[in-house]
Amino acid sequence: MSATESSSVGRRTFVLGAAAAAGSAALAGPLAPAASAAGFGWSDDGSDYVVDTGANLVFKVSKTNGDLTSLVYKGTEYQGYGGKNSHVESGLGTSTVTIGQSGSTILVSVAYGTLKHYYAARSGENNVYLWTNKADTSVSATRYIVRVKAGLFLNDEPDSYTYTTSTVEASDVFAKSDGQTRSKHYSKLRVIDYDYIGWTTGSVGLWIVRSNHEKASGGPFYRSLLRHQSADGGGLYEILYYGENQTEDQRFGLQGPYVIAFTDGGAPSSSLYHANLTTSWADSLGISGYVGASGRGRVAGVGISGRNTAYAYTVGLANSAAQYWGSARSSDGYFSLAGVLPGTYTLTVFKGELAVHTGSVTVSAGATTTLNTITIPSSNDPGNPTAIWRIGDWNGSPSGFKNADLMTYAHPSDVRAASWTGNVVIGSGSETSAFPCYIWKDVNSGLLVHFKLTAAQAAAAHTLRIGVTTAYANGRPQITVNDTWTSAIPSPPAQPSTRSLTVGSYRGNNHTFTYSVPASAWLTDTSQYNVLKIDVVSGSGTTGYLSAGTAIDAIDLLV
């Protein structure tokens, strides 16, 4: 699903905007319908508000709890599996639900305590626009799940799974009879990688187009639930806050719009993508927490110097209230982040997924903050120092290591995983691909790296570095050289406290462990291999793949 694909959406396309987010009390009560597409309007059937978009889509919202109870496209009901509706979280419970129409827009407003949720329909479009405003922790997590009937789309996606009694871990990671694993956690994609998710038959497509995630947490490289399919139906998710392997505190406020979009089989129109959203038609709807384009600003950077042009660079903004990100131009590092809420942000430049520069920037409503060329100091990039040998790349991810790609959509026990052992010989040409991306205390601790040194190298002390991207249960590496010198046990860096390596995510807080190895530890016979042993140490964790573990970014021995 390329982010550049597009197709017509219903009978009319439109433009929404880059950072649609939030503002006041919701539209309520029936307003006089405006002249619009044939059939456009709403009615009350006693238990639900029935909204006809005037295109090919009719949907219903419960007057009791704000659930989406029906989603009919071209006469076919798509909503529902297992007797469940589509809704925020697992359903909000008794809520105050109102409806109103303003010209070519119908808005359904749902109030559940401090949480506000909205559905909007536009005349002639096969889309449902949604906003969710979470003000506090009274609702534990924040997601919207579209529950889709079984049999309408093929159960053939890489992250599809079937509920069975054969669980690999907890009650949410399953094993198929062929040894492959499935879980709703295995999204494969980072937030920065997708604009929409969904399914198509070739003649009908059903998608969720994600919001800009400005009030979500975890940054551009975070992974969370996207979709699942099973024998009894499927679910499409918009995750607005997710705690699994989360690196940041929860943010509060309005998120959206995100869009339930039907097409004639193609991808949703690119005009719906979060990067293009300008919700001028929503400015006057009275959505709680809404901030229109005029209340937002922009950050533009003329360039970034000191980059390694072999890597993609991303620029992110974050504070306790919001987050944004965008790509830096490969030619010169130019970047532009629009639709930003006013405030002071930490600006971070990422090489791959590794932060190599931070600064501060202040954004004002209606203004552009222009930044002069950002220079990344050479010392900020751990890939710059000359190394005697290096395994992997300093890019903030375990890419290139054994099983790294598979681990974003499978459990480590999956039959497709290569052996988690992986002793390597420097100079073999397969150092990185043969070395496991993850090391666990109870699975493959004690991995060995064999290498030779010249006489001059063996006569000197050297620094050995191990970069990690996350850790589970405080797992961290302790090293031994030639069975004669052992490092101290390093202190654990701050990492997420939940599962990580087994639920499809290596994204935590990147950290570099540094070890000063004395010259006395090396072999003086240059024909012999020195042996580096890497153990995982921790008093936490349980057994197997839930024992203390860590994900590897790079390992090197500096000159």
Protein backbone atom coordinates (compact mmCIF):
# COMPACT_ATOMS: atom_id res chain seq x y z
CA MET A 1 0.00 0.00 0.00
CA SER A 2 2.07 2.87 -1.25
CA ALA A 3 1.56 6.26 0.31
CA THR A 4 1.47 7.64 -3.23
CA GLU A 5 -1.43 5.50 -4.43
CA SER A 6 -4.79 7.18 -4.73
CA SER A 7 -8.28 6.62 -6.01
CA SER A 8 -11.57 8.46 -6.04
CA VAL A 9 -13.41 8.34 -2.75
CA GLY A 10 -17.15 8.04 -3.33
CA ARG A 11 -18.54 10.79 -5.56
CA ARG A 12 -16.39 13.62 -4.39
CA THR A 13 -12.90 14.23 -3.09
CA PHE A 14 -11.90 17.03 -0.73
CA VAL A 15 -9.00 18.47 1.19
CA LEU A 16 -8.46 18.06 4.91
CA GLY A 17 -5.35 19.27 6.69
CA ALA A 18 -1.95 18.38 8.15
CA ALA A 19 -2.59 18.74 11.83
CA ALA A 20 -6.30 18.55 12.38
CA ALA A 21 -6.75 18.66 16.12
CA ALA A 22 -9.10 20.42 18.45
CA GLY A 23 -11.61 23.29 20.17
CA SER A 24 -15.13 23.98 22.09
CA ALA A 25 -18.55 22.44 22.87
CA ALA A 26 -20.10 20.25 20.18
CA LEU A 27 -22.84 21.03 17.70
CA ALA A 28 -26.12 19.76 19.08
CA GLY A 29 -29.76 19.49 18.06
CA PRO A 30 -31.32 19.21 14.59
CA LEU A 31 -30.49 22.08 12.28
CA ALA A 32 -32.19 22.77 8.98
CA PRO A 33 -30.70 20.54 6.25
CA ALA A 34 -28.99 22.35 3.41
CA ALA A 35 -29.43 21.45 -0.24
CA SER A 36 -26.90 18.70 -0.92
CA ALA A 37 -26.37 15.28 -2.51
CA ALA A 38 -29.52 13.27 -3.01
CA GLY A 39 -30.36 11.34 0.15
CA PHE A 40 -27.96 13.27 2.37
CA GLY A 41 -29.36 13.72 5.85
CA TRP A 42 -30.08 12.02 9.15
CA SER A 43 -32.95 10.43 11.00
CA ASP A 44 -33.74 8.92 14.39
CA ASP A 45 -34.93 5.31 14.43
CA GLY A 46 -35.46 5.30 18.19
CA SER A 47 -32.24 3.57 19.24
CA ASP A 48 -29.76 5.04 16.75
CA TYR A 49 -29.06 8.15 14.74
CA VAL A 50 -29.02 7.09 11.09
CA VAL A 51 -26.74 9.14 8.82
CA ASP A 52 -26.95 8.93 5.02
CA THR A 53 -23.96 10.56 3.31
CA GLY A 54 -25.85 10.89 0.05
CA ALA A 55 -23.25 8.71 -1.63
CA ASN A 56 -23.07 4.94 -1.05
CA LEU A 57 -22.63 4.97 2.71
CA VAL A 58 -25.18 4.86 5.54
CA PHE A 59 -24.07 4.47 9.14
CA LYS A 60 -25.75 4.36 12.54
CA VAL A 61 -24.59 5.65 15.92
CA SER A 62 -26.15 4.40 19.15
CA LYS A 63 -28.03 7.08 21.06
CA THR A 64 -27.17 5.24 24.29
CA ASN A 65 -23.38 4.87 24.20
CA GLY A 66 -22.04 6.37 20.95
CA ASP A 67 -21.08 3.02 19.42
CA LEU A 68 -21.06 2.71 15.63
CA THR A 69 -23.74 0.04 15.24
CA SER A 70 -24.06 -0.16 11.46
CA LEU A 71 -21.81 0.59 8.47
CA VAL A 72 -23.56 -0.12 5.19
CA TYR A 73 -21.72 0.50 1.93
CA LYS A 74 -23.51 -0.15 -1.37
CA GLY A 75 -26.13 -2.16 0.48
CA THR A 76 -23.70 -4.45 2.33
CA GLU A 77 -23.35 -4.35 6.11
CA TYR A 78 -19.68 -4.27 7.12
CA GLN A 79 -20.01 -3.49 10.83
CA GLY A 80 -19.80 -6.14 13.49
CA TYR A 81 -18.28 -9.38 14.59
CA GLY A 82 -18.88 -11.42 17.70
CA GLY A 83 -21.88 -9.26 18.54
CA LYS A 84 -19.64 -6.25 19.10
CA ASN A 85 -19.99 -2.73 17.76
CA SER A 86 -17.27 -0.35 16.60
CA HIS A 87 -16.29 2.12 19.31
CA VAL A 88 -13.75 3.98 21.40
CA GLU A 89 -11.74 1.58 23.57
CA SER A 90 -14.02 -1.43 24.27
CA GLY A 91 -17.13 0.73 24.44
CA LEU A 92 -17.78 3.78 26.56
CA GLY A 93 -20.96 2.87 28.38
CA THR A 94 -23.93 5.18 28.88
CA SER A 95 -23.16 8.52 27.20
CA THR A 96 -24.85 11.71 26.12
CA VAL A 97 -25.24 11.52 22.33
CA THR A 98 -26.47 14.42 20.19
CA ILE A 99 -26.64 15.17 16.48
CA GLY A 100 -26.78 18.27 14.33
CA GLN A 101 -26.41 19.37 10.74
CA SER A 102 -24.64 22.44 9.44
CA GLY A 103 -24.87 22.81 5.69
CA SER A 104 -23.14 19.86 4.06
CA THR A 105 -21.84 18.41 7.35
CA ILE A 106 -23.60 16.21 9.91
CA LEU A 107 -21.92 15.88 13.32
CA VAL A 108 -22.71 13.28 15.99
CA SER A 109 -21.29 14.23 19.40
CA VAL A 110 -20.68 11.73 22.21
CA ALA A 111 -19.90 12.79 25.80
CA TYR A 112 -18.74 10.18 28.31
CA GLY A 113 -17.54 11.88 31.47
CA THR A 114 -14.54 13.97 30.50
CA LEU A 115 -14.10 12.14 27.17
CA LYS A 116 -15.64 13.61 24.02
CA HIS A 117 -15.92 11.74 20.73
CA TYR A 118 -17.28 12.84 17.34
CA TYR A 119 -18.46 11.36 14.04
CA ALA A 120 -18.86 13.61 11.00
CA ALA A 121 -20.31 12.98 7.56
CA ARG A 122 -19.86 15.16 4.50
CA SER A 123 -22.44 15.29 1.75
CA GLY A 124 -21.56 13.01 -1.18
CA GLU A 125 -18.58 11.28 0.47
CA ASN A 126 -18.11 7.65 1.47
CA ASN A 127 -16.20 8.61 4.61
CA VAL A 128 -16.78 8.89 8.34
CA TYR A 129 -14.56 11.47 10.06
CA LEU A 130 -13.76 10.87 13.72
CA TRP A 131 -12.22 12.91 16.54
CA THR A 132 -11.55 11.80 20.10
CA ASN A 133 -10.75 14.17 22.97
CA LYS A 134 -9.31 12.43 26.00
CA ALA A 135 -8.83 14.85 28.89
CA ASP A 136 -7.48 12.53 31.59
CA THR A 137 -6.91 8.90 32.59
CA SER A 138 -10.53 8.12 33.40
CA VAL A 139 -10.49 6.00 30.21
CA SER A 140 -7.45 3.74 30.53
CA ALA A 141 -6.23 3.73 26.94
CA THR A 142 -7.41 5.38 23.77
CA ARG A 143 -8.19 3.56 20.57
CA TYR A 144 -10.96 3.37 18.06
CA ILE A 145 -11.65 -0.06 16.65
CA VAL A 146 -13.74 -0.73 13.54
CA ARG A 147 -15.11 -4.24 13.89
CA VAL A 148 -15.71 -5.85 10.51
CA LYS A 149 -17.82 -8.90 9.72
CA ALA A 150 -16.10 -12.14 8.85
CA GLY A 151 -15.87 -13.26 5.24
CA LEU A 152 -15.93 -9.84 3.60
CA PHE A 153 -12.17 -9.64 3.10
CA LEU A 154 -9.55 -12.36 2.68
CA ASN A 155 -7.75 -13.39 5.85
CA ASP A 156 -4.36 -13.25 4.12
CA GLU A 157 -2.51 -10.27 5.52
CA PRO A 158 0.96 -10.79 7.08
CA ASP A 159 -0.41 -9.76 10.47
CA SER A 160 -3.58 -11.84 10.21
CA TYR A 161 -4.16 -14.33 12.96
CA THR A 162 -6.65 -16.90 14.12
CA TYR A 163 -7.76 -17.35 17.69
CA THR A 164 -6.81 -20.82 18.88
CA THR A 165 -6.29 -22.53 22.19
CA SER A 166 -2.59 -22.68 21.35
CA THR A 167 -1.06 -19.58 22.90
CA VAL A 168 2.64 -18.85 22.87
CA GLU A 169 2.59 -16.03 25.38
CA ALA A 170 -0.04 -14.58 27.68
CA SER A 171 -3.46 -14.71 25.97
CA ASP A 172 -2.62 -12.58 22.95
CA VAL A 173 0.16 -14.35 21.02
CA PHE A 174 -0.99 -17.42 19.11
CA ALA A 175 0.65 -20.34 17.32
CA LYS A 176 -0.66 -21.80 14.09
CA SER A 177 -0.36 -25.50 13.42
CA ASP A 178 2.52 -24.85 11.01
CA GLY A 179 4.60 -23.18 13.73
CA GLN A 180 4.03 -19.61 12.59
CA THR A 181 2.93 -17.09 15.21
CA ARG A 182 0.27 -14.39 15.05
CA SER A 183 -0.80 -11.55 17.30
CA LYS A 184 -2.69 -8.30 17.07
CA HIS A 185 0.53 -6.72 18.36
CA TYR A 186 2.49 -7.55 15.21
CA SER A 187 1.88 -4.38 13.22
CA LYS A 188 5.17 -4.57 11.27
CA LEU A 189 4.91 -0.85 10.48
CA ARG A 190 6.11 2.18 12.40
CA VAL A 191 3.76 5.15 12.59
CA ILE A 192 5.94 7.06 10.12
CA ASP A 193 5.57 4.21 7.59
CA TYR A 194 1.84 4.36 6.88
CA ASP A 195 -0.95 6.79 6.12
CA TYR A 196 -3.74 4.23 6.17
CA ILE A 197 -4.45 0.58 6.87
CA GLY A 198 -7.24 -1.70 5.75
CA TRP A 199 -8.36 -4.28 3.23
CA THR A 200 -9.56 -4.52 -0.34
CA THR A 201 -11.37 -7.11 -2.41
CA GLY A 202 -10.40 -5.37 -5.61
CA SER A 203 -13.87 -3.88 -5.93
CA VAL A 204 -14.39 -2.63 -2.36
CA GLY A 205 -11.80 -1.15 -0.04
CA LEU A 206 -12.31 -0.40 3.65
CA TRP A 207 -9.63 1.71 5.33
CA ILE A 208 -8.76 3.74 8.37
CA VAL A 209 -6.75 6.80 7.42
CA ARG A 210 -4.75 7.72 10.49
CA SER A 211 -4.65 11.10 12.17
CA ASN A 212 -1.44 13.08 12.55
CA HIS A 213 -0.98 11.56 16.04
CA GLU A 214 -0.07 14.93 17.52
CA LYS A 215 -1.57 13.94 20.87
CA ALA A 216 -0.37 10.34 20.74
CA SER A 217 2.93 9.23 22.28
CA GLY A 218 6.03 7.36 21.22
CA GLY A 219 7.26 9.42 18.27
CA PRO A 220 7.61 8.57 14.58
CA PHE A 221 9.12 5.12 15.03
CA TYR A 222 6.56 3.73 17.46
CA ARG A 223 4.66 0.53 16.66
CA SER A 224 1.22 -0.27 17.95
CA LEU A 225 -1.92 -2.18 17.01
CA LEU A 226 -3.06 -1.64 13.42
CA ARG A 227 -5.43 -4.40 12.43
CA HIS A 228 -6.25 -8.03 12.91
CA GLN A 229 -8.22 -10.68 11.10
CA SER A 230 -9.51 -14.01 12.31
CA ALA A 231 -12.14 -16.55 11.45
CA ASP A 232 -14.82 -14.53 13.22
CA GLY A 233 -14.05 -11.12 11.76
CA GLY A 234 -11.53 -8.33 11.64
CA GLY A 235 -10.58 -5.14 13.38
CA LEU A 236 -9.04 -1.89 12.14
CA TYR A 237 -7.44 0.31 14.80
CA GLU A 238 -6.61 3.94 15.24
CA ILE A 239 -4.41 3.93 18.33
CA LEU A 240 -4.39 7.29 20.05
CA TYR A 241 -2.47 6.11 23.09
CA TYR A 242 -0.96 2.68 23.66
CA GLY A 243 1.08 1.63 26.68
CA GLU A 244 2.88 -1.43 25.28
CA ASN A 245 6.62 -0.64 25.10
CA GLN A 246 5.78 3.05 25.38
CA THR A 247 8.69 5.50 25.72
CA GLU A 248 6.69 8.61 26.64
CA ASP A 249 4.05 9.78 29.05
CA GLN A 250 0.49 9.98 27.79
CA ARG A 251 -0.61 13.20 26.12
CA PHE A 252 -4.14 14.52 26.42
CA GLY A 253 -6.38 16.52 24.13
CA LEU A 254 -8.19 16.20 20.82
CA GLN A 255 -6.93 13.76 18.22
CA GLY A 256 -8.20 13.66 14.68
CA PRO A 257 -9.62 13.62 12.26
CA TYR A 258 -9.01 10.01 11.46
CA VAL A 259 -11.21 8.60 8.74
CA ILE A 260 -13.15 5.42 8.01
CA ALA A 261 -13.04 5.44 4.21
CA PHE A 262 -14.72 3.21 1.63
CA THR A 263 -13.42 3.04 -1.95
CA ASP A 264 -14.12 1.08 -5.09
CA GLY A 265 -11.14 -1.15 -4.25
CA GLY A 266 -8.24 1.26 -4.51
CA ALA A 267 -6.32 3.06 -1.81
CA PRO A 268 -8.05 5.96 -0.07
CA SER A 269 -7.55 9.32 -1.70
CA SER A 270 -4.27 10.98 -0.73
CA SER A 271 -6.30 14.12 0.00
CA LEU A 272 -7.37 12.32 3.19
CA TYR A 273 -3.85 11.71 4.46
CA HIS A 274 -2.89 13.34 7.74
CA ALA A 275 -0.10 15.29 6.02
CA ASN A 276 -2.63 17.07 3.80
CA LEU A 277 -5.42 17.73 6.25
CA THR A 278 -6.86 21.25 6.50
CA THR A 279 -10.24 20.99 8.18
CA SER A 280 -11.65 24.38 7.24
CA TRP A 281 -15.12 22.85 7.00
CA ALA A 282 -14.79 21.69 10.63
CA ASP A 283 -13.73 25.07 12.03
CA SER A 284 -17.26 26.08 13.03
CA LEU A 285 -18.54 22.72 14.30
CA GLY A 286 -17.75 23.42 17.95
CA ILE A 287 -15.59 20.32 18.46
CA SER A 288 -14.08 20.34 21.95
CA GLY A 289 -10.37 21.14 21.85
CA TYR A 290 -10.33 21.94 18.16
CA VAL A 291 -7.59 24.27 16.86
CA GLY A 292 -7.91 25.37 13.24
CA ALA A 293 -5.14 26.22 10.83
CA SER A 294 -5.03 29.88 11.91
CA GLY A 295 -4.16 28.80 15.45
CA ARG A 296 -1.15 26.80 14.35
CA GLY A 297 2.39 27.56 13.20
CA ARG A 298 5.19 26.08 11.15
CA VAL A 299 8.87 25.23 11.58
CA ALA A 300 11.18 25.31 8.56
CA GLY A 301 14.86 24.37 8.55
CA VAL A 302 17.06 25.51 5.70
CA GLY A 303 19.29 22.45 6.00
CA ILE A 304 21.25 19.98 8.11
CA SER A 305 25.03 19.63 7.81
CA GLY A 306 27.15 16.83 9.20
CA ARG A 307 24.79 14.17 7.89
CA ASN A 308 25.85 10.76 6.65
CA THR A 309 24.03 10.78 3.31
CA ALA A 310 23.79 6.99 3.29
CA TYR A 311 20.97 7.33 5.82
CA ALA A 312 17.54 8.93 5.89
CA TYR A 313 17.09 11.72 8.45
CA THR A 314 13.91 12.63 10.31
CA VAL A 315 13.21 15.79 12.30
CA GLY A 316 10.86 15.57 15.25
CA LEU A 317 9.24 18.07 17.60
CA ALA A 318 7.93 17.03 21.00
CA ASN A 319 6.79 18.47 24.29
CA SER A 320 4.36 17.27 26.94
CA ALA A 321 1.38 18.46 24.89
CA ALA A 322 2.11 17.43 21.28
CA GLN A 323 4.46 15.71 18.85
CA TYR A 324 5.24 16.14 15.13
CA TRP A 325 7.79 14.87 12.65
CA GLY A 326 8.84 15.00 9.02
CA SER A 327 11.59 13.88 6.67
CA ALA A 328 14.67 15.93 5.96
CA ARG A 329 15.41 16.36 2.25
CA SER A 330 18.16 13.99 1.19
CA SER A 331 20.03 16.58 -0.86
CA ASP A 332 20.54 19.21 1.83
CA GLY A 333 18.51 18.35 4.93
CA TYR A 334 15.77 20.95 4.37
CA PHE A 335 12.62 20.22 6.37
CA SER A 336 9.23 21.77 7.01
CA LEU A 337 6.78 20.88 9.78
CA ALA A 338 3.39 22.57 9.43
CA GLY A 339 0.21 22.62 11.49
CA VAL A 340 2.09 22.76 14.80
CA LEU A 341 0.34 23.90 17.96
CA PRO A 342 1.95 26.95 19.62
CA GLY A 343 4.56 26.17 22.25
CA THR A 344 8.21 25.41 22.91
CA TYR A 345 9.40 22.04 21.67
CA THR A 346 12.48 19.86 21.81
CA LEU A 347 13.68 19.46 18.24
CA THR A 348 15.42 16.16 17.54
CA VAL A 349 17.30 15.12 14.40
CA PHE A 350 17.32 11.36 13.84
CA LYS A 351 19.81 9.44 11.71
CA GLY A 352 17.66 6.44 10.91
CA GLU A 353 16.08 6.04 14.34
CA LEU A 354 19.06 7.32 16.32
CA ALA A 355 18.93 10.82 17.82
CA VAL A 356 22.08 12.69 16.79
CA HIS A 357 21.07 16.27 17.60
CA THR A 358 18.65 18.03 19.94
CA GLY A 359 17.71 21.66 20.29
CA SER A 360 14.79 23.90 21.21
CA VAL A 361 12.32 25.74 19.02
CA THR A 362 9.33 27.96 19.79
CA VAL A 363 6.26 27.96 17.56
CA SER A 364 3.70 30.77 17.37
CA ALA A 365 0.23 30.71 15.87
CA GLY A 366 0.06 31.96 12.30
CA ALA A 367 3.85 32.25 11.99
CA THR A 368 6.77 30.32 10.54
CA THR A 369 9.85 29.78 12.70
CA THR A 370 12.80 29.59 10.32
CA LEU A 371 15.93 27.81 11.53
CA ASN A 372 19.40 28.34 10.12
CA THR A 373 21.43 25.32 9.08
CA ILE A 374 21.65 22.76 11.87
CA THR A 375 25.14 21.31 12.27
CA ILE A 376 25.43 17.84 13.74
CA PRO A 377 28.71 17.63 15.70
CA SER A 378 30.83 14.70 14.58
CA SER A 379 30.94 13.41 18.14
CA ASN A 380 27.14 13.06 18.20
CA ASP A 381 27.15 10.27 15.63
CA PRO A 382 28.62 7.05 17.09
CA GLY A 383 29.18 5.79 13.56
CA ASN A 384 31.89 8.39 12.92
CA PRO A 385 34.81 7.13 15.08
CA THR A 386 37.20 4.73 13.39
CA ALA A 387 36.73 1.17 14.57
CA ILE A 388 38.99 -1.87 14.47
CA TRP A 389 35.83 -3.80 13.73
CA ARG A 390 32.10 -3.10 13.81
CA ILE A 391 29.00 -5.30 13.76
CA GLY A 392 25.87 -3.55 12.50
CA ASP A 393 25.27 0.13 11.78
CA TRP A 394 24.73 2.91 14.28
CA ASN A 395 21.24 3.79 13.09
CA GLY A 396 19.10 3.22 16.18
CA SER A 397 17.62 -0.08 15.00
CA PRO A 398 18.72 -3.75 14.77
CA SER A 399 18.30 -3.72 10.99
CA GLY A 400 20.63 -6.17 9.27
CA PHE A 401 21.00 -8.44 12.29
CA LYS A 402 19.69 -12.00 12.23
CA ASN A 403 15.87 -12.18 12.52
CA ALA A 404 15.50 -8.39 12.78
CA ASP A 405 12.92 -8.02 10.02
CA LEU A 406 10.86 -10.99 11.19
CA MET A 407 10.64 -9.73 14.76
CA THR A 408 8.33 -6.86 13.84
CA TYR A 409 5.58 -9.35 12.92
CA ALA A 410 6.37 -12.62 14.68
CA HIS A 411 7.24 -14.08 18.07
CA PRO A 412 10.87 -15.13 18.62
CA SER A 413 9.71 -18.75 18.86
CA ASP A 414 8.27 -18.61 15.32
CA VAL A 415 9.34 -21.47 13.06
CA ARG A 416 10.58 -18.92 10.51
CA ALA A 417 13.20 -17.55 12.91
CA ALA A 418 16.78 -18.66 12.40
CA SER A 419 18.62 -20.08 15.37
CA TRP A 420 19.08 -17.53 18.13
CA THR A 421 22.69 -18.64 18.65
CA GLY A 422 25.13 -16.62 16.60
CA ASN A 423 28.83 -16.65 17.42
CA VAL A 424 30.67 -14.70 14.72
CA VAL A 425 34.16 -14.29 13.35
CA ILE A 426 35.25 -10.80 12.39
CA GLY A 427 36.36 -10.79 8.77
CA SER A 428 33.93 -13.52 7.72
CA GLY A 429 31.76 -11.05 5.81
CA SER A 430 28.61 -12.17 7.62
CA GLU A 431 29.22 -10.64 11.02
CA THR A 432 25.98 -8.70 11.18
CA SER A 433 23.62 -11.12 9.43
CA ALA A 434 24.87 -14.00 11.59
CA PHE A 435 24.56 -12.13 14.88
CA PRO A 436 21.10 -12.26 16.57
CA CYS A 437 19.17 -9.01 16.79
CA TYR A 438 18.08 -9.85 20.35
CA ILE A 439 19.91 -11.45 23.28
CA TRP A 440 18.10 -12.97 26.28
CA LYS A 441 19.51 -14.16 29.58
CA ASP A 442 17.69 -17.49 29.31
CA VAL A 443 17.95 -18.07 25.54
CA ASN A 444 21.27 -17.08 23.97
CA SER A 445 23.33 -15.23 26.55
CA GLY A 446 27.06 -15.81 26.17
CA LEU A 447 27.37 -15.04 22.45
CA LEU A 448 30.97 -14.99 21.23
CA VAL A 449 32.79 -12.65 18.86
CA HIS A 450 36.15 -13.90 17.55
CA PHE A 451 38.68 -11.37 16.22
CA LYS A 452 42.39 -10.86 15.68
CA LEU A 453 44.47 -7.83 16.60
CA THR A 454 47.75 -6.56 15.26
CA ALA A 455 50.68 -6.31 17.63
CA ALA A 456 50.19 -2.56 17.94
CA GLN A 457 46.47 -2.96 18.63
CA ALA A 458 47.09 -5.67 21.23
CA ALA A 459 49.54 -3.42 23.04
CA ALA A 460 46.92 -0.74 23.75
CA ALA A 461 43.73 -0.36 25.73
CA HIS A 462 40.57 0.02 23.66
CA THR A 463 36.97 1.08 24.09
CA LEU A 464 34.29 -1.45 23.26
CA ARG A 465 30.75 -0.17 22.66
CA ILE A 466 27.42 -1.97 22.55
CA GLY A 467 24.44 0.06 21.39
CA VAL A 468 20.94 -1.14 22.29
CA THR A 469 17.51 0.06 21.18
CA THR A 470 15.45 -1.25 24.09
CA ALA A 471 15.60 -3.78 26.90
CA TYR A 472 13.14 -6.01 28.71
CA ALA A 473 13.31 -6.56 32.49
CA ASN A 474 16.46 -4.43 32.81
CA GLY A 475 18.49 -6.75 30.58
CA ARG A 476 21.91 -5.26 29.80
CA PRO A 477 25.21 -6.62 28.48
CA GLN A 478 28.21 -7.60 30.56
CA ILE A 479 31.36 -8.55 28.64
CA THR A 480 34.26 -10.92 29.21
CA VAL A 481 37.47 -10.87 27.12
CA ASN A 482 39.50 -14.04 26.66
CA ASP A 483 38.08 -15.46 29.91
CA THR A 484 40.52 -13.26 31.82
CA TRP A 485 38.88 -9.82 32.07
CA THR A 486 35.24 -9.18 32.92
CA SER A 487 33.53 -5.82 32.96
CA ALA A 488 31.50 -4.49 35.82
CA ILE A 489 27.74 -4.94 35.51
CA PRO A 490 26.48 -1.68 34.01
CA SER A 491 23.52 0.19 35.44
CA PRO A 492 20.29 -0.28 33.47
CA PRO A 493 19.19 2.71 31.40
CA ALA A 494 15.57 3.86 31.47
CA GLN A 495 13.48 1.61 29.25
CA PRO A 496 9.78 0.76 28.91
CA SER A 497 8.61 -1.59 31.65
CA THR A 498 6.20 -3.64 29.52
CA ARG A 499 6.84 -6.42 27.02
CA SER A 500 8.77 -5.37 23.95
CA LEU A 501 10.90 -7.97 22.17
CA THR A 502 8.06 -10.50 22.04
CA VAL A 503 5.32 -8.15 20.85
CA GLY A 504 6.91 -6.89 17.66
CA SER A 505 8.86 -3.88 18.89
CA TYR A 506 12.52 -3.07 19.36
CA ARG A 507 11.76 0.63 19.83
CA GLY A 508 12.74 1.88 23.27
CA ASN A 509 15.33 4.39 24.42
CA ASN A 510 18.55 4.02 22.46
CA HIS A 511 21.54 3.66 24.77
CA THR A 512 25.26 3.00 24.35
CA PHE A 513 27.16 0.87 26.86
CA THR A 514 30.87 1.69 26.91
CA TYR A 515 33.58 -0.62 28.27
CA SER A 516 37.24 0.34 28.76
CA VAL A 517 39.20 -2.84 28.06
CA PRO A 518 42.82 -2.76 29.31
CA ALA A 519 45.72 -3.86 27.11
CA SER A 520 46.38 -6.75 29.49
CA ALA A 521 43.11 -8.39 28.36
CA TRP A 522 44.29 -8.94 24.76
CA LEU A 523 46.23 -11.91 23.39
CA THR A 524 49.77 -10.99 22.36
CA ASP A 525 49.96 -13.78 19.77
CA THR A 526 48.57 -12.04 16.68
CA SER A 527 47.84 -15.40 15.00
CA GLN A 528 45.27 -16.24 17.64
CA TYR A 529 41.68 -15.05 17.89
CA ASN A 530 40.65 -12.92 20.82
CA VAL A 531 37.24 -13.93 22.15
CA LEU A 532 34.63 -11.45 23.35
CA LYS A 533 31.78 -12.97 25.33
CA ILE A 534 28.51 -11.02 25.70
CA ASP A 535 26.19 -12.01 28.51
CA VAL A 536 22.83 -10.54 29.48
CA VAL A 537 22.55 -9.79 33.18
CA SER A 538 19.55 -8.82 35.29
CA GLY A 539 17.77 -9.93 38.39
CA SER A 540 14.41 -9.41 36.70
CA GLY A 541 12.41 -11.28 34.09
CA THR A 542 11.15 -14.84 34.06
CA THR A 543 12.20 -17.58 31.65
CA GLY A 544 12.71 -18.13 27.95
CA TYR A 545 11.81 -15.20 25.75
CA LEU A 546 10.42 -13.36 28.77
CA SER A 547 13.75 -13.50 30.56
CA ALA A 548 15.76 -10.29 30.67
CA GLY A 549 16.80 -9.30 27.16
CA THR A 550 17.97 -6.51 24.93
CA ALA A 551 17.91 -5.48 21.26
CA ILE A 552 21.19 -4.68 19.51
CA ASP A 553 21.92 -1.55 17.46
CA ALA A 554 25.68 -1.96 16.88
CA ILE A 555 28.80 -3.40 18.50
CA ASP A 556 32.29 -2.11 17.83
CA LEU A 557 35.87 -1.97 19.09
CA LEU A 558 37.39 1.47 18.62
CA VAL A 559 40.94 2.17 17.53
